[in-house]
Protein backbone atom coordinates (compact mmCIF):
# COMPACT_ATOMS: atom_id res chain seq x y z
CA UNK A 1 129.96 123.86 127.95
CA UNK A 2 130.08 125.32 124.46
CA UNK A 3 131.82 122.22 123.13
CA UNK A 4 129.05 120.07 124.54
CA UNK A 5 126.41 122.21 122.82
CA UNK A 6 128.31 122.03 119.54
CA UNK A 7 128.52 118.23 119.79
CA UNK A 8 124.81 118.03 120.51
CA UNK A 9 124.03 120.22 117.51
CA UNK A 10 126.28 118.13 115.26
CA UNK A 11 124.62 114.93 116.40
CA UNK A 12 121.18 116.39 115.81
CA UNK A 13 122.18 117.50 112.31
CA UNK A 14 123.61 114.06 111.55
CA UNK A 15 120.43 112.37 112.73
CA UNK A 16 118.29 114.71 110.64
CA UNK A 17 120.43 114.02 107.56
CA UNK A 18 120.21 110.26 108.14
CA UNK A 19 116.44 110.47 108.49
CA UNK A 20 116.13 112.48 105.30
CA UNK A 21 118.29 109.97 103.43
CA UNK A 22 116.25 107.06 104.76
CA UNK A 23 113.01 108.76 103.76
CA UNK A 24 114.31 109.43 100.25
CA UNK A 25 115.46 105.82 99.88
CA UNK A 26 112.10 104.58 101.11
CA UNK A 27 110.28 106.83 98.64
CA UNK A 28 112.42 105.58 95.77
CA UNK A 29 111.84 101.95 96.78
CA UNK A 30 108.09 102.52 97.00
CA UNK A 31 108.08 104.20 93.58
CA UNK A 32 109.95 101.28 92.04
CA UNK A 33 107.62 98.76 93.69
CA UNK A 34 104.55 100.63 92.48
CA UNK A 35 105.96 100.82 88.95
CA UNK A 36 106.63 97.08 88.92
CA UNK A 37 103.16 96.31 90.30
CA UNK A 38 101.52 98.55 87.70
CA UNK A 39 103.53 96.93 84.90
CA UNK A 40 102.47 93.48 86.07
CA UNK A 41 98.82 94.52 86.37
CA UNK A 42 98.87 96.04 82.88
CA UNK A 43 100.53 92.93 81.48
CA UNK A 44 97.90 90.70 83.08
CA UNK A 45 95.07 92.94 81.83
CA UNK A 46 96.43 92.81 78.28
CA UNK A 47 96.74 89.01 78.42
CA UNK A 48 93.16 88.72 79.64
CA UNK A 49 91.95 91.09 76.91
CA UNK A 50 93.70 88.97 74.28
CA UNK A 51 92.10 85.78 75.54
CA UNK A 52 88.66 87.01 76.51
CA UNK A 53 88.10 90.26 74.63
CA UNK A 54 87.12 93.52 76.25
CA UNK A 55 84.03 93.43 78.41
CA UNK A 56 82.02 96.49 79.31
CA UNK A 57 79.25 96.83 81.85
CA UNK A 58 75.82 97.89 80.71
CA UNK A 59 73.17 99.58 82.85
CA UNK A 60 71.39 96.26 83.42
CA UNK A 61 74.58 94.92 84.99
CA UNK A 62 75.27 92.34 82.27
CA UNK A 63 78.53 92.14 80.43
CA UNK A 64 78.79 92.31 76.67
CA UNK A 65 81.78 91.03 74.78
CA UNK A 66 83.15 93.86 72.66
CA UNK A 67 85.70 91.71 70.80
């Protein structure tokens, strides 16, 4: 009976460890994806700024070119 309990405990521990590892991997993947997305967005914004100039909104809702 004790051996059975020990096996159950070991399996539970293994499952918990696996879950933790999976969660950590998922977090790392999400971080990397977010970093890549942010880099791309920044790159696109910079390209647009180069071509169009910076635009700011004014109270009236119109845009003024600040280039």
